[in-house]
Protein backbone atom coordinates (compact mmCIF):
# COMPACT_ATOMS: atom_id res chain seq x y z
CA MET A 1 10.50 32.46 -14.35
CA ALA A 2 8.99 35.23 -16.45
CA VAL A 3 7.15 34.33 -19.64
CA CYS A 4 7.19 36.67 -22.58
CA PRO A 5 3.59 37.83 -23.27
CA HIS A 6 4.19 37.48 -26.99
CA ALA A 7 5.03 33.79 -26.58
CA LEU A 8 1.60 33.11 -25.09
CA SER A 9 -0.23 34.72 -28.00
CA ASP A 10 1.91 33.10 -30.69
CA PRO A 11 -0.16 30.42 -32.51
CA ARG A 12 2.99 28.39 -33.16
CA ALA A 13 3.72 28.27 -29.44
CA GLU A 14 0.16 27.12 -28.76
CA VAL A 15 0.48 24.34 -31.35
CA THR A 16 3.80 23.31 -29.83
CA LEU A 17 2.24 23.21 -26.37
CA GLN A 18 -0.67 21.14 -27.66
CA GLU A 19 1.72 18.72 -29.36
CA SER A 20 3.81 18.46 -26.20
CA ASN A 21 0.68 17.89 -24.13
CA GLN A 22 -0.51 15.19 -26.52
CA GLU A 23 2.89 13.47 -26.47
CA LEU A 24 3.02 13.57 -22.67
CA ARG A 25 -0.49 12.11 -22.43
CA SER A 26 0.53 9.36 -24.83
CA GLN A 27 3.62 8.60 -22.75
CA LEU A 28 1.51 8.56 -19.58
CA ALA A 29 -0.95 6.11 -21.12
CA GLN A 30 1.91 3.85 -22.22
CA SER A 31 3.50 4.04 -18.77
CA LYS A 32 0.20 3.05 -17.17
CA GLN A 33 -0.07 0.06 -19.51
CA ASP A 34 3.53 -0.94 -18.77
CA PHE A 35 2.90 -0.63 -15.04
CA GLN A 36 -0.23 -2.80 -15.29
CA ALA A 37 1.68 -5.47 -17.22
CA LEU A 38 4.49 -5.46 -14.65
CA MET A 39 1.99 -5.66 -11.81
CA GLU A 40 0.34 -8.69 -13.41
CA GLU A 41 3.73 -10.37 -13.87
CA PHE A 42 4.61 -9.60 -10.25
CA LEU A 43 1.36 -11.10 -8.96
CA VAL A 44 1.88 -14.27 -11.01
CA SER A 45 5.45 -14.55 -9.71
CA GLU A 46 4.30 -13.95 -6.15
CA ALA A 47 1.65 -16.67 -6.48
CA ALA A 48 4.21 -19.09 -7.90
CA ALA A 49 6.65 -18.35 -5.07
CA TYR A 50 3.89 -18.87 -2.50
CA SER A 51 2.89 -22.17 -4.11
CA LEU A 52 6.49 -23.42 -4.19
CA ALA A 53 7.08 -22.35 -0.58
CA THR A 54 3.94 -24.23 0.47
CA GLU A 55 5.23 -27.35 -1.29
CA LEU A 56 8.60 -27.01 0.44
CA GLN A 57 6.80 -26.64 3.76
CA LYS A 58 4.88 -29.88 3.12
CA HIS A 59 8.17 -31.71 2.62
CA LYS A 60 9.55 -30.26 5.87
CA CYS A 61 12.61 -28.94 4.10
CA GLY A 62 14.64 -27.61 7.03
CA GLU A 63 17.36 -26.30 4.75
CA CYS A 64 14.77 -24.09 3.08
CA LYS A 65 13.29 -22.71 6.31
CA ASP A 66 14.51 -19.13 5.73
CA ILE A 67 13.14 -19.06 2.18
CA ILE A 68 9.79 -20.47 3.26
CA GLU A 69 9.49 -17.97 6.12
CA SER A 70 10.37 -15.04 3.87
CA VAL A 71 7.71 -16.04 1.33
CA LEU A 72 4.96 -17.18 3.67
CA GLY A 73 5.73 -14.62 6.35
CA ASP A 74 5.40 -17.08 9.22
CA LYS A 75 7.86 -18.44 11.74
CA LEU A 76 7.76 -22.15 11.15
CA PRO A 77 8.65 -24.90 13.61
CA PHE A 78 11.08 -27.27 11.91
CA GLU A 79 12.41 -30.54 13.19
CA GLU A 80 16.05 -30.81 12.21
């Protein structure tokens, strides 16, 4: 894509580019904060799921075997 040489030397175009750059940086910073918040929520949820799966395992809940295995990642011996 060819760029008009006059557009590069136009002060208004430079201001517009700077404003666009600033807006994009602001959006990036907000996206990083949103990602961090979601990651924290995910880790809390993952810890809660692990804790609940461990409790189910203690109670030898055979009906919940698939759930426990998917959360804990182990093949568990259950007595039915």
